N, C-alpha and C. Protein backbone atom coordinates (compact mmCIF):
# COMPACT_ATOMS: atom_id res chain seq x y z
N MET A 1 0.92 -1.62 -0.14
CA MET A 1 -0.12 -0.01 0.05
C MET A 1 0.87 1.28 0.09
N ALA A 2 0.55 2.31 -0.94
CA ALA A 2 1.45 3.46 -1.08
C ALA A 2 1.39 4.36 0.20
N ALA A 3 2.52 4.80 0.69
CA ALA A 3 2.40 5.77 2.06
C ALA A 3 1.17 6.98 1.38
N LEU A 4 0.74 6.94 2.68
CA LEU A 4 -0.06 8.56 2.76
C LEU A 4 0.35 9.37 2.87
N PRO A 5 0.74 10.72 2.29
CA PRO A 5 0.85 11.79 2.29
C PRO A 5 0.85 12.25 3.40
N SER A 6 1.90 13.25 3.52
CA SER A 6 2.46 13.85 4.94
C SER A 6 1.31 15.09 5.43
N PRO A 7 0.66 15.65 6.06
CA PRO A 7 -0.02 16.52 6.10
C PRO A 7 0.21 17.72 5.91
N THR A 8 -0.08 19.01 5.47
CA THR A 8 0.15 20.01 5.34
C THR A 8 0.29 21.18 6.36
N PRO A 9 0.53 21.13 7.35
CA PRO A 9 0.83 22.46 8.30
C PRO A 9 -0.07 23.42 7.86
N GLN A 10 -1.22 23.61 8.66
CA GLN A 10 -2.41 24.77 8.22
C GLN A 10 -1.43 26.18 8.41
N THR A 11 -1.36 26.80 7.08
CA THR A 11 -1.10 28.70 7.68
C THR A 11 -1.23 29.62 8.64
N ARG A 12 -0.47 29.53 9.73
CA ARG A 12 -1.11 30.31 10.40
C ARG A 12 -1.40 31.87 10.04
N MET A 13 -2.75 32.41 10.62
CA MET A 13 -3.52 33.76 9.52
C MET A 13 -2.43 34.76 10.02
N TRP A 14 -1.19 34.71 10.32
CA TRP A 14 -0.34 35.75 10.40
C TRP A 14 0.84 35.98 9.13
N HIS A 15 0.65 34.76 8.41
CA HIS A 15 1.12 35.01 7.72
C HIS A 15 0.82 34.57 6.16
N LEU A 16 -0.60 34.82 5.89
CA LEU A 16 -1.58 34.74 4.64
C LEU A 16 -1.39 36.11 4.34
N PRO A 17 -1.93 35.91 2.79
CA PRO A 17 -1.81 37.22 2.26
C PRO A 17 -2.31 38.96 2.94
N HIS A 18 -1.64 39.57 3.03
CA HIS A 18 -1.81 40.77 4.04
C HIS A 18 -3.34 41.34 3.92
N ALA A 19 -3.75 41.57 2.93
CA ALA A 19 -5.35 41.84 3.29
C ALA A 19 -6.22 40.94 4.07
N GLU A 20 -6.38 39.44 3.47
CA GLU A 20 -6.74 39.08 4.11
C GLU A 20 -6.34 38.50 5.76
N ALA A 21 -4.97 38.30 5.75
CA ALA A 21 -4.60 38.57 7.42
C ALA A 21 -5.00 39.59 8.34
N VAL A 22 -5.26 40.63 8.08
CA VAL A 22 -5.34 42.00 8.54
C VAL A 22 -7.23 41.48 8.89
N VAL A 23 -8.49 41.22 7.75
CA VAL A 23 -9.47 40.44 8.13
C VAL A 23 -9.63 39.39 9.16
N ALA A 24 -8.63 38.57 9.09
CA ALA A 24 -8.73 37.24 9.57
C ALA A 24 -8.43 37.88 11.31
N VAL A 25 -7.66 38.29 11.20
CA VAL A 25 -7.41 38.70 12.65
C VAL A 25 -8.27 39.76 13.04
N GLY A 26 -8.95 40.98 12.18
CA GLY A 26 -9.79 41.81 12.81
C GLY A 26 -10.95 41.08 13.12
N GLU A 27 -11.56 39.60 12.43
CA GLU A 27 -12.57 39.17 12.95
C GLU A 27 -12.60 38.14 14.32
N ILE A 28 -11.43 37.89 14.70
CA ILE A 28 -11.35 37.59 15.84
C ILE A 28 -11.04 39.03 16.94
N LEU A 29 -10.52 40.00 17.01
CA LEU A 29 -10.21 40.74 17.56
C LEU A 29 -11.67 41.56 17.69
N VAL A 30 -12.93 41.45 17.23
CA VAL A 30 -14.01 41.96 17.26
C VAL A 30 -14.86 41.21 18.55
N GLY A 31 -14.38 40.40 18.90
CA GLY A 31 -15.25 39.38 20.07
C GLY A 31 -14.31 39.27 21.31
N LEU A 32 -13.47 40.03 21.08
CA LEU A 32 -12.61 39.91 22.49
C LEU A 32 -12.69 41.30 23.60
N PRO A 33 -12.53 40.79 24.78
CA PRO A 33 -12.90 41.95 25.84
C PRO A 33 -12.15 43.40 25.89
N ARG A 34 -12.28 44.12 25.82
CA ARG A 34 -11.47 45.41 26.20
C ARG A 34 -11.37 45.66 27.64
N ILE A 35 -10.41 46.78 28.34
CA ILE A 35 -10.30 46.48 29.12
C ILE A 35 -9.62 48.81 29.90
N ILE A 36 -10.19 49.34 30.63
CA ILE A 36 -9.48 50.36 30.97
C ILE A 36 -7.75 51.06 31.48
N VAL A 37 -7.43 51.50 31.44
CA VAL A 37 -5.83 51.75 32.00
C VAL A 37 -6.43 52.88 32.63
N ARG A 38 -6.05 53.54 33.72
CA ARG A 38 -6.24 54.35 34.23
C ARG A 38 -5.31 54.61 35.74
N ARG A 39 -4.59 54.87 35.45
CA ARG A 39 -2.79 55.07 36.05
C ARG A 39 -1.92 55.77 35.42
N THR A 40 -0.94 56.02 36.09
CA THR A 40 0.30 56.58 35.76
C THR A 40 1.09 55.79 34.97
N VAL A 41 1.66 56.70 33.81
CA VAL A 41 2.29 55.63 33.01
C VAL A 41 3.49 56.71 32.67
N TYR A 42 4.32 56.11 31.79
CA TYR A 42 5.76 56.67 31.85
C TYR A 42 5.96 56.55 30.65
N ARG A 43 7.19 57.85 30.16
CA ARG A 43 7.27 57.82 28.56
C ARG A 43 8.65 58.66 28.62
N ALA A 44 9.67 57.63 28.09
CA ALA A 44 10.76 58.67 28.09
C ALA A 44 11.38 59.00 26.26
N MET A 45 11.71 60.20 25.79
CA MET A 45 11.82 60.52 24.95
C MET A 45 13.58 61.34 24.30
N LEU A 46 14.49 60.90 23.64
CA LEU A 46 15.48 61.79 23.41
C LEU A 46 14.38 63.13 23.18
N GLU A 47 15.89 64.15 24.05
CA GLU A 47 15.57 65.88 23.83
C GLU A 47 15.44 65.96 22.90
N ILE A 48 15.88 65.86 21.93
CA ILE A 48 15.59 66.74 20.54
C ILE A 48 14.80 66.48 19.81
N PHE A 49 13.84 65.50 20.44
CA PHE A 49 12.33 65.42 19.58
C PHE A 49 11.39 65.51 20.22
N LEU A 50 11.77 67.02 21.50
CA LEU A 50 10.38 67.46 22.10
C LEU A 50 10.08 68.62 21.53
N HIS A 51 10.77 68.79 20.24
CA HIS A 51 10.45 70.11 19.72
C HIS A 51 9.85 69.54 18.02
N PRO A 52 9.13 68.95 17.70
CA PRO A 52 9.10 67.85 16.66
C PRO A 52 9.04 68.99 15.63
N LEU A 53 8.57 69.92 15.63
CA LEU A 53 7.77 70.87 15.06
C LEU A 53 8.86 72.28 14.88
N SER A 54 10.24 72.52 15.30
CA SER A 54 11.13 73.69 15.33
C SER A 54 10.41 74.62 16.13
N GLY A 55 9.32 74.49 17.26
CA GLY A 55 8.24 75.48 17.40
C GLY A 55 9.46 75.50 19.12
N ALA A 56 8.85 76.37 19.75
CA ALA A 56 9.67 76.93 21.17
C ALA A 56 7.97 75.89 22.57
N THR A 57 7.32 75.30 21.87
CA THR A 57 6.73 74.60 23.12
C THR A 57 7.04 73.19 22.74
N PRO A 58 7.53 72.96 23.93
CA PRO A 58 8.06 70.86 23.98
C PRO A 58 6.30 70.52 24.18
N GLU A 59 6.56 69.64 23.11
CA GLU A 59 5.53 68.47 22.77
C GLU A 59 5.68 67.56 23.21
N PRO A 60 5.97 66.51 24.64
CA PRO A 60 6.23 65.45 25.52
C PRO A 60 5.43 64.34 24.48
N LEU A 61 4.34 64.35 24.65
CA LEU A 61 3.02 63.74 23.65
C LEU A 61 3.08 63.76 21.97
N HIS A 62 4.06 63.76 21.53
CA HIS A 62 4.15 64.59 20.03
C HIS A 62 4.19 62.44 19.69
N TYR A 63 3.50 62.39 18.35
CA TYR A 63 3.13 61.02 18.39
C TYR A 63 3.88 60.13 16.91
N LEU A 64 3.81 61.11 15.62
CA LEU A 64 4.09 61.49 14.48
C LEU A 64 5.62 60.95 14.15
N GLY A 65 6.42 60.70 15.01
CA GLY A 65 7.31 59.66 14.57
C GLY A 65 7.42 58.16 14.52
N SER A 66 6.40 57.98 15.36
CA SER A 66 6.25 56.63 14.95
C SER A 66 5.95 55.74 13.32
N LEU A 67 5.83 57.13 12.67
CA LEU A 67 5.03 56.65 11.62
C LEU A 67 6.08 56.08 10.34
N ALA A 68 7.15 55.94 11.33
CA ALA A 68 8.24 55.47 10.66
C ALA A 68 8.57 54.03 10.76
N GLY A 69 7.62 54.05 11.65
CA GLY A 69 7.98 52.10 12.28
C GLY A 69 7.72 52.10 13.21
N GLY A 70 6.98 51.03 13.87
CA GLY A 70 7.51 50.93 15.47
C GLY A 70 7.68 49.02 15.84
N ARG A 71 7.33 49.05 17.20
CA ARG A 71 6.71 47.43 17.03
C ARG A 71 5.30 47.05 17.11
N TYR A 72 4.47 47.89 17.34
CA TYR A 72 3.07 47.71 17.23
C TYR A 72 3.03 49.56 16.27
N THR A 73 3.68 49.87 15.59
CA THR A 73 3.10 50.58 14.48
C THR A 73 3.66 50.54 13.47
N PRO A 74 3.36 49.92 11.87
CA PRO A 74 3.13 49.87 11.04
C PRO A 74 4.16 51.43 10.28
N ARG A 75 5.26 50.94 9.13
CA ARG A 75 5.74 52.00 8.59
C ARG A 75 4.40 52.82 7.91
N GLY A 76 3.86 53.86 7.91
CA GLY A 76 3.46 54.79 7.21
C GLY A 76 1.87 54.71 7.90
N GLY A 77 1.21 54.50 9.13
CA GLY A 77 0.82 54.81 10.04
C GLY A 77 -0.37 53.23 10.25
N PRO A 78 -1.02 53.08 11.12
CA PRO A 78 -1.42 54.13 12.12
C PRO A 78 -0.27 54.82 12.91
N ALA A 79 -0.81 55.93 13.18
CA ALA A 79 0.39 56.37 14.62
C ALA A 79 0.20 55.65 15.53
N GLY A 80 1.21 55.35 16.76
CA GLY A 80 1.04 55.21 17.81
C GLY A 80 2.18 55.93 19.15
N LEU A 81 1.18 56.03 20.17
CA LEU A 81 2.30 57.04 21.37
C LEU A 81 2.41 55.78 22.25
N TYR A 82 3.40 55.60 22.74
CA TYR A 82 3.85 54.21 23.47
C TYR A 82 4.72 54.55 24.90
N ALA A 83 4.30 54.22 25.71
CA ALA A 83 4.73 54.49 26.92
C ALA A 83 4.61 52.89 28.09
N SER A 84 4.86 53.50 29.47
CA SER A 84 5.14 51.98 30.07
C SER A 84 4.28 52.28 31.18
N PHE A 85 4.17 51.01 31.87
CA PHE A 85 4.08 50.64 33.54
C PHE A 85 4.33 50.98 34.49
N ASP A 86 5.88 51.34 34.33
CA ASP A 86 6.72 51.82 35.25
C ASP A 86 8.28 52.79 34.92
N PRO A 87 8.76 53.25 35.30
CA PRO A 87 9.62 53.99 34.80
C PRO A 87 11.06 54.22 34.35
N ALA A 88 11.49 52.75 34.52
CA ALA A 88 12.81 52.82 33.83
C ALA A 88 12.64 51.52 32.55
N THR A 89 11.22 51.14 32.49
CA THR A 89 11.36 50.21 30.73
C THR A 89 11.36 51.06 29.82
N PRO A 90 10.78 52.14 29.60
CA PRO A 90 11.33 53.66 28.59
C PRO A 90 12.66 53.73 28.41
N ILE A 91 12.81 53.25 29.42
CA ILE A 91 14.65 53.61 29.28
C ILE A 91 15.78 52.56 28.72
N ALA A 92 14.84 51.38 28.88
CA ALA A 92 15.42 50.14 27.91
C ALA A 92 15.13 50.26 26.92
N GLU A 93 13.88 51.04 26.82
CA GLU A 93 12.96 50.54 25.02
C GLU A 93 13.98 51.59 24.41
N LEU A 94 14.45 52.75 24.98
CA LEU A 94 15.29 53.39 23.67
C LEU A 94 17.25 53.02 23.63
N ARG A 95 17.44 51.95 24.42
CA ARG A 95 17.92 51.33 24.60
C ARG A 95 19.66 51.25 24.96
N ALA A 96 19.08 52.45 26.11
CA ALA A 96 20.60 53.16 26.54
C ALA A 96 20.94 52.47 27.77
N VAL A 97 19.83 51.70 28.52
CA VAL A 97 20.34 50.75 29.42
C VAL A 97 19.93 49.37 29.17
N VAL A 98 20.15 48.09 29.58
CA VAL A 98 20.19 46.68 29.88
C VAL A 98 19.93 46.31 31.10
N PHE A 99 18.94 45.64 31.24
CA PHE A 99 18.56 45.44 32.58
C PHE A 99 18.77 44.04 33.04
N THR A 100 20.09 42.98 33.68
CA THR A 100 20.26 42.05 34.36
C THR A 100 19.40 42.05 35.64
N GLU A 101 18.57 40.78 36.00
CA GLU A 101 18.15 40.07 37.11
C GLU A 101 18.00 41.97 37.71
N GLY A 102 17.41 42.51 36.48
CA GLY A 102 16.54 43.64 37.48
C GLY A 102 17.44 44.73 37.92
N VAL A 103 19.11 44.85 37.24
CA VAL A 103 19.93 45.62 37.30
C VAL A 103 20.55 46.03 36.39
N PRO A 104 20.10 47.82 35.91
CA PRO A 104 20.54 48.11 34.68
C PRO A 104 22.37 48.23 34.63
N THR A 105 22.39 48.58 33.15
CA THR A 105 23.87 48.79 33.16
C THR A 105 23.99 49.42 31.37
N ALA A 106 24.90 50.30 31.39
CA ALA A 106 24.16 51.32 30.12
C ALA A 106 25.35 50.49 29.39
N THR A 107 24.50 50.68 27.41
CA THR A 107 25.18 50.36 27.10
C THR A 107 25.83 51.02 26.16
N ALA A 108 25.51 52.34 26.39
CA ALA A 108 26.50 52.83 25.87
C ALA A 108 26.19 54.73 25.79
N ASP A 109 27.24 55.74 25.61
CA ASP A 109 26.72 57.17 25.54
C ASP A 109 25.64 57.54 24.46
N HIS A 110 25.07 58.26 25.87
CA HIS A 110 23.13 57.84 24.88
C HIS A 110 23.00 59.76 25.07
N MET A 111 22.17 60.75 24.08
CA MET A 111 22.49 61.95 24.25
C MET A 111 21.22 62.20 25.50
N PRO A 112 20.78 63.45 25.26
CA PRO A 112 19.73 63.69 26.42
C PRO A 112 18.81 62.81 26.48
N ILE A 113 17.91 62.56 27.32
CA ILE A 113 16.49 61.73 27.72
C ILE A 113 16.01 62.68 28.64
N VAL A 114 14.61 62.55 27.95
CA VAL A 114 13.65 62.99 29.64
C VAL A 114 12.53 62.16 29.41
N SER A 115 12.24 62.30 30.85
CA SER A 115 11.29 61.04 30.94
C SER A 115 10.18 61.58 31.64
N LEU A 116 8.82 61.22 31.77
CA LEU A 116 7.68 62.11 32.15
C LEU A 116 7.07 61.04 32.78
N ALA A 117 5.73 61.53 33.51
CA ALA A 117 4.97 61.07 33.82
C ALA A 117 3.90 61.82 33.45
N VAL A 118 2.97 60.89 33.07
CA VAL A 118 1.90 60.91 32.29
C VAL A 118 0.17 60.43 32.69
N HIS A 119 -0.36 60.83 33.16
CA HIS A 119 -1.70 60.29 33.85
C HIS A 119 -2.81 59.63 32.22
N CYS A 120 -3.27 58.59 32.69
CA CYS A 120 -3.71 58.31 31.32
C CYS A 120 -5.11 57.55 32.28
N ASP A 121 -5.97 57.74 31.16
CA ASP A 121 -6.97 57.46 31.47
C ASP A 121 -7.76 57.02 30.03
N VAL A 122 -7.89 55.64 29.61
CA VAL A 122 -7.90 55.16 28.59
C VAL A 122 -9.06 53.59 28.11
N ARG A 123 -10.58 53.82 27.79
CA ARG A 123 -10.86 52.73 27.52
C ARG A 123 -10.33 52.24 26.20
N ARG A 124 -11.28 50.69 26.12
CA ARG A 124 -11.17 49.92 25.17
C ARG A 124 -9.96 49.67 24.50
N ILE A 125 -8.99 49.22 25.16
CA ILE A 125 -7.66 48.41 25.09
C ILE A 125 -7.40 47.03 25.59
N LEU A 126 -7.09 46.46 24.44
CA LEU A 126 -6.57 45.17 23.99
C LEU A 126 -5.26 44.83 24.52
N ASP A 127 -5.77 43.82 25.43
CA ASP A 127 -4.19 43.23 26.93
C ASP A 127 -3.96 42.44 26.66
N VAL A 128 -2.62 42.16 25.20
CA VAL A 128 -1.83 40.97 25.24
C VAL A 128 -0.90 40.38 25.66
N THR A 129 -1.16 40.81 27.15
CA THR A 129 -0.55 40.06 28.40
C THR A 129 -1.31 39.16 28.77
N ALA A 130 -2.27 38.92 28.40
CA ALA A 130 -3.11 37.90 29.25
C ALA A 130 -3.27 36.73 28.47
N ASP A 131 -2.90 35.89 28.66
CA ASP A 131 -3.00 34.33 27.84
C ASP A 131 -4.34 34.38 27.53
N ASP A 132 -5.67 34.73 27.88
CA ASP A 132 -6.79 33.97 27.16
C ASP A 132 -6.89 35.37 26.30
N ILE A 133 -6.34 36.45 26.29
CA ILE A 133 -6.09 37.08 24.93
C ILE A 133 -5.35 36.48 23.89
N CYS A 134 -4.27 36.35 24.37
CA CYS A 134 -3.26 35.76 22.84
C CYS A 134 -3.91 34.30 22.18
N ALA A 135 -4.26 33.66 23.40
CA ALA A 135 -4.89 32.09 22.97
C ALA A 135 -5.68 32.43 21.49
N PRO A 136 -6.57 32.84 21.66
CA PRO A 136 -7.45 32.92 20.09
C PRO A 136 -7.16 33.49 18.77
N LEU A 137 -5.80 34.24 19.04
CA LEU A 137 -5.19 35.18 18.08
C LEU A 137 -4.34 34.25 17.42
N ASP A 138 -3.82 33.14 18.30
CA ASP A 138 -2.77 32.08 17.95
C ASP A 138 -1.20 33.73 17.91
N LEU A 139 -0.97 34.17 19.29
CA LEU A 139 -0.17 34.68 19.54
C LEU A 139 0.74 34.32 20.45
N HIS A 140 1.72 34.24 20.54
CA HIS A 140 2.94 33.24 21.04
C HIS A 140 3.90 34.24 21.76
N PRO A 141 4.72 33.71 22.39
CA PRO A 141 5.61 35.08 23.11
C PRO A 141 6.82 35.26 22.27
N ALA A 142 6.86 34.71 21.30
CA ALA A 142 8.17 34.63 20.10
C ALA A 142 7.42 35.81 19.33
N ASP A 143 6.78 35.77 19.21
CA ASP A 143 5.58 36.74 18.06
C ASP A 143 5.51 38.34 18.65
N LEU A 144 5.64 38.36 20.09
CA LEU A 144 5.24 39.40 20.51
C LEU A 144 6.85 40.00 20.83
N ALA A 145 7.90 39.09 21.06
CA ALA A 145 9.35 39.54 21.12
C ALA A 145 9.99 39.76 20.28
N ALA A 146 9.44 39.31 18.50
CA ALA A 146 10.80 38.98 17.80
C ALA A 146 11.14 40.47 17.28
N ASP A 147 12.00 40.01 16.31
CA ASP A 147 12.76 41.59 16.01
C ASP A 147 12.23 42.13 14.82
N TRP A 148 10.99 43.35 15.71
CA TRP A 148 10.10 44.14 14.50
C TRP A 148 11.16 44.37 13.03
N GLN A 149 11.92 45.51 13.85
CA GLN A 149 12.29 45.75 12.86
C GLN A 149 13.53 45.18 11.52
N SER A 150 14.23 43.53 11.38
CA SER A 150 14.02 43.50 11.04
C SER A 150 12.83 42.92 9.97
N GLY A 151 11.89 42.30 10.30
CA GLY A 151 10.72 42.04 10.29
C GLY A 151 10.08 43.01 9.08
N GLN A 152 10.28 44.11 9.64
CA GLN A 152 9.29 45.00 8.62
C GLN A 152 10.25 45.23 7.65
N GLU A 153 11.62 45.37 7.67
CA GLU A 153 12.02 45.64 6.44
C GLU A 153 12.30 44.04 5.02
N VAL A 154 12.03 43.00 5.91
CA VAL A 154 11.83 41.85 5.01
C VAL A 154 10.12 42.23 4.67
N TYR A 155 9.23 43.17 5.11
CA TYR A 155 8.39 42.87 4.66
C TYR A 155 8.21 43.89 3.46
N LEU A 156 8.78 44.81 3.79
CA LEU A 156 8.90 46.13 3.00
C LEU A 156 9.36 45.45 1.45
N ARG A 157 9.90 44.79 1.30
CA ARG A 157 11.04 44.31 0.18
C ARG A 157 9.96 43.47 -0.51
N GLY A 158 8.68 43.02 0.13
CA GLY A 158 7.96 41.93 -0.05
C GLY A 158 8.53 40.55 -0.50
N GLU A 159 9.17 40.59 1.01
CA GLU A 159 9.89 39.55 0.79
C GLU A 159 8.89 38.56 1.98
N GLY A 160 8.46 38.42 2.69
CA GLY A 160 7.11 37.82 4.28
C GLY A 160 6.37 38.96 4.57
N PRO A 161 5.67 38.86 5.42
CA PRO A 161 4.25 38.78 6.27
C PRO A 161 5.22 40.33 6.98
N MET A 162 3.93 41.08 6.80
CA MET A 162 3.99 42.17 8.19
C MET A 162 4.43 41.44 9.33
N PRO A 163 5.44 42.47 10.07
CA PRO A 163 5.70 41.33 11.55
C PRO A 163 4.33 41.55 12.34
N ALA A 164 3.79 40.12 13.34
CA ALA A 164 3.09 40.29 13.72
C ALA A 164 2.38 41.27 14.80
N THR A 165 3.38 41.87 15.50
CA THR A 165 2.96 42.96 16.24
C THR A 165 2.25 44.06 15.41
N GLN A 166 2.72 44.38 14.67
CA GLN A 166 2.16 45.94 13.16
C GLN A 166 1.00 45.53 12.77
N LEU A 167 1.04 44.23 12.25
CA LEU A 167 -0.63 43.49 11.97
C LEU A 167 -1.69 43.81 12.86
N LEU A 168 -1.33 43.06 14.02
CA LEU A 168 -2.38 42.96 15.04
C LEU A 168 -2.78 45.01 15.45
N ALA A 169 -1.76 45.76 15.33
CA ALA A 169 -2.00 46.94 15.35
C ALA A 169 -3.23 47.72 14.39
N LEU A 170 -2.66 46.98 13.29
CA LEU A 170 -3.29 47.50 12.00
C LEU A 170 -4.85 46.75 12.23
N ALA A 171 -4.59 45.81 12.64
CA ALA A 171 -6.35 45.85 12.63
C ALA A 171 -6.84 45.80 13.53
N ALA A 172 -6.22 46.11 14.71
CA ALA A 172 -7.41 46.51 16.50
C ALA A 172 -7.18 48.35 15.72
N HIS A 173 -6.80 48.91 15.04
CA HIS A 173 -6.80 50.29 14.86
C HIS A 173 -8.54 50.00 13.53
N GLU A 174 -8.45 49.03 12.75
CA GLU A 174 -9.07 49.02 11.51
C GLU A 174 -10.39 49.38 12.07
N THR A 175 -10.36 47.60 13.47
CA THR A 175 -11.82 47.73 13.75
C THR A 175 -12.72 48.79 14.14
N ALA A 176 -11.49 49.61 14.86
CA ALA A 176 -12.23 51.20 15.55
C ALA A 176 -12.81 51.22 16.74
N ILE A 177 -12.72 50.14 17.02
CA ILE A 177 -13.32 49.76 18.91
C ILE A 177 -12.08 49.69 19.79
N PHE A 178 -10.71 49.59 19.37
CA PHE A 178 -9.85 50.10 20.17
C PHE A 178 -9.10 51.15 20.24
N ALA A 179 -8.50 51.21 21.45
CA ALA A 179 -7.92 52.72 21.41
C ALA A 179 -6.61 52.22 21.57
N GLY A 180 -5.87 51.24 21.89
CA GLY A 180 -4.95 50.76 22.04
C GLY A 180 -4.37 49.27 21.95
N ILE A 181 -2.88 48.66 22.78
CA ILE A 181 -3.21 47.94 23.07
C ILE A 181 -2.15 47.87 24.36
N THR A 182 -1.94 47.09 25.33
CA THR A 182 -1.13 46.64 26.47
C THR A 182 -0.52 45.73 26.29
N TYR A 183 1.09 45.69 26.33
CA TYR A 183 2.15 44.65 25.41
C TYR A 183 3.01 44.37 26.56
N PRO A 184 3.89 42.96 26.58
CA PRO A 184 5.09 42.98 27.96
C PRO A 184 6.29 43.55 27.37
N SER A 185 7.07 43.84 27.73
CA SER A 185 8.01 44.27 26.75
C SER A 185 9.28 43.67 26.36
N ALA A 186 9.93 43.45 25.37
CA ALA A 186 10.63 42.95 25.12
C ALA A 186 12.22 43.21 25.65
N ARG A 187 12.40 44.45 25.96
CA ARG A 187 13.27 44.64 26.55
C ARG A 187 13.53 44.73 28.06
N THR A 188 12.82 43.96 29.00
CA THR A 188 13.23 44.55 30.24
C THR A 188 12.29 42.62 30.40
N ASP A 189 12.53 42.06 31.26
CA ASP A 189 11.81 40.89 31.75
C ASP A 189 10.55 41.43 32.76
N PHE A 190 10.50 42.57 33.31
CA PHE A 190 9.27 42.80 34.41
C PHE A 190 8.77 43.82 33.97
N GLY A 191 8.55 44.26 32.35
CA GLY A 191 8.07 45.68 32.38
C GLY A 191 6.47 45.87 31.08
N THR A 192 6.01 46.02 31.82
CA THR A 192 4.35 46.52 30.78
C THR A 192 5.05 47.49 29.87
N ASN A 193 3.68 47.66 28.69
CA ASN A 193 4.63 48.38 27.86
C ASN A 193 2.58 48.92 27.11
N LEU A 194 2.47 50.14 26.79
CA LEU A 194 1.04 50.57 26.35
C LEU A 194 1.41 51.27 25.07
N VAL A 195 0.85 51.04 24.17
CA VAL A 195 0.37 52.37 22.61
C VAL A 195 -0.84 52.07 22.48
N ILE A 196 -0.74 53.64 22.61
CA ILE A 196 -2.43 54.14 22.04
C ILE A 196 -2.66 55.26 20.85
N PHE A 197 -3.63 54.38 20.11
CA PHE A 197 -3.71 54.93 18.98
C PHE A 197 -4.66 56.67 19.06
N PRO A 198 -3.48 58.04 18.95
CA PRO A 198 -4.40 58.69 19.31
C PRO A 198 -5.52 59.22 18.16
N ASP A 199 -5.91 58.93 17.21
CA ASP A 199 -7.31 58.90 16.64
C ASP A 199 -8.09 58.11 17.06
N ARG A 200 -7.97 57.32 17.72
CA ARG A 200 -8.87 56.89 18.25
C ARG A 200 -9.63 57.33 19.73
N LEU A 201 -8.71 57.88 20.29
CA LEU A 201 -8.99 58.40 21.83
C LEU A 201 -10.61 59.43 21.94
N ASN A 202 -11.21 58.87 22.62
CA ASN A 202 -12.59 59.48 22.76
C ASN A 202 -12.60 60.00 23.88
N GLY A 203 -12.73 61.77 23.93
CA GLY A 203 -12.56 63.06 24.41
C GLY A 203 -13.87 62.79 25.34
N PRO A 204 -14.89 62.88 24.55
CA PRO A 204 -16.72 62.63 25.12
C PRO A 204 -16.70 61.45 26.01
N GLU A 205 -16.06 60.91 25.64
CA GLU A 205 -16.19 59.38 26.75
C GLU A 205 -15.44 59.38 28.27
N GLY A 206 -13.83 60.06 27.96
CA GLY A 206 -13.51 60.37 29.15
C GLY A 206 -12.26 60.06 28.99
N ASP A 207 -11.75 59.86 27.97
CA ASP A 207 -10.18 59.27 27.40
C ASP A 207 -9.73 60.37 27.56
N ARG A 208 -8.19 59.87 28.36
CA ARG A 208 -7.25 61.61 28.29
C ARG A 208 -5.87 60.93 28.64
N LEU A 209 -5.16 61.54 28.02
CA LEU A 209 -3.83 61.64 28.52
C LEU A 209 -2.91 62.96 28.75
N GLU A 210 -2.69 63.30 29.80
CA GLU A 210 -2.38 64.65 30.35
C GLU A 210 -0.58 64.64 31.63
N VAL A 211 0.18 65.29 30.62
CA VAL A 211 1.86 65.23 31.10
C VAL A 211 1.29 65.60 32.30
N ILE A 212 1.78 65.09 33.39
CA ILE A 212 2.08 65.43 34.89
C ILE A 212 3.29 66.37 35.11
N ASP A 213 3.31 67.71 35.52
CA ASP A 213 4.22 68.74 35.60
C ASP A 213 3.28 70.06 35.79
N PRO A 214 3.91 69.92 37.20
CA PRO A 214 2.83 71.34 38.00
C PRO A 214 3.33 72.64 37.54
N SER A 215 4.81 72.61 36.90
CA SER A 215 5.65 74.10 36.16
C SER A 215 5.13 74.01 35.15
N GLY A 216 4.55 73.46 34.45
CA GLY A 216 4.01 73.70 33.59
C GLY A 216 4.77 73.84 31.72
N ARG A 217 5.86 73.73 32.08
CA ARG A 217 6.60 73.22 31.50
C ARG A 217 6.53 72.44 30.03
N TYR A 218 6.15 71.17 31.09
CA TYR A 218 6.15 70.43 29.77
C TYR A 218 4.54 69.35 29.56
N SER A 219 3.38 70.98 30.05
CA SER A 219 2.37 70.39 30.11
C SER A 219 1.63 69.87 28.62
N GLN A 220 0.79 69.20 28.35
CA GLN A 220 0.45 68.64 27.00
C GLN A 220 -0.61 67.27 27.09
N ARG A 221 -2.28 67.84 26.81
CA ARG A 221 -3.20 66.77 26.86
C ARG A 221 -3.46 66.32 25.58
N LEU A 222 -4.19 64.79 25.42
CA LEU A 222 -4.23 64.43 24.28
C LEU A 222 -5.98 63.88 25.03
N PRO A 223 -6.68 64.11 24.13
CA PRO A 223 -7.07 64.91 23.15
C PRO A 223 -6.92 65.80 23.34
N VAL A 224 -6.33 66.84 22.12
CA VAL A 224 -6.58 68.52 22.61
C VAL A 224 -7.74 69.31 23.15
């Protein structure tokens, strides 16, 4: 008797042609719960980017730089504003330090960095730090921690799929029911990050991001 052919592994939805993948992920997302993030979050940025439009007023909540691409922001958009749940992780995300067993070590000399605390009150957040959210999405820790920069370049050359984290953000944004995503930091073993889609913030419902600065020097609020 002739041997039966080996079964062909099912293609993960993350590896489907782009348009199909966005639809497939979006169909699952609409059935998933949303959480509220109401707490202080932290943001760090190189000081040179505080004045993105060469104006006199600092803009610590400026986010259009993310259009060049980020872990949860595909190149060209939608834009995302990144923050963390603790003040140490943002510095690691900038690659200014590396944490080994919780101890920070400088990676190299770096330009001045500004660290800010931000009051966050945002609804409709997708939480991919939770196993019961990742399971139906077929998302694994390796997907969340993958080298998105190399993956982005492969995708832009037309040689592979969009990085799963970017595709997830794109699908979540297109559903119009999510204002952001919480996710585990790939730069620390303790951090939780948050990416907000500024154009999905709903001010009338109470969504708000506001820099905590009694001096007023770095005051900024979204939505405006």
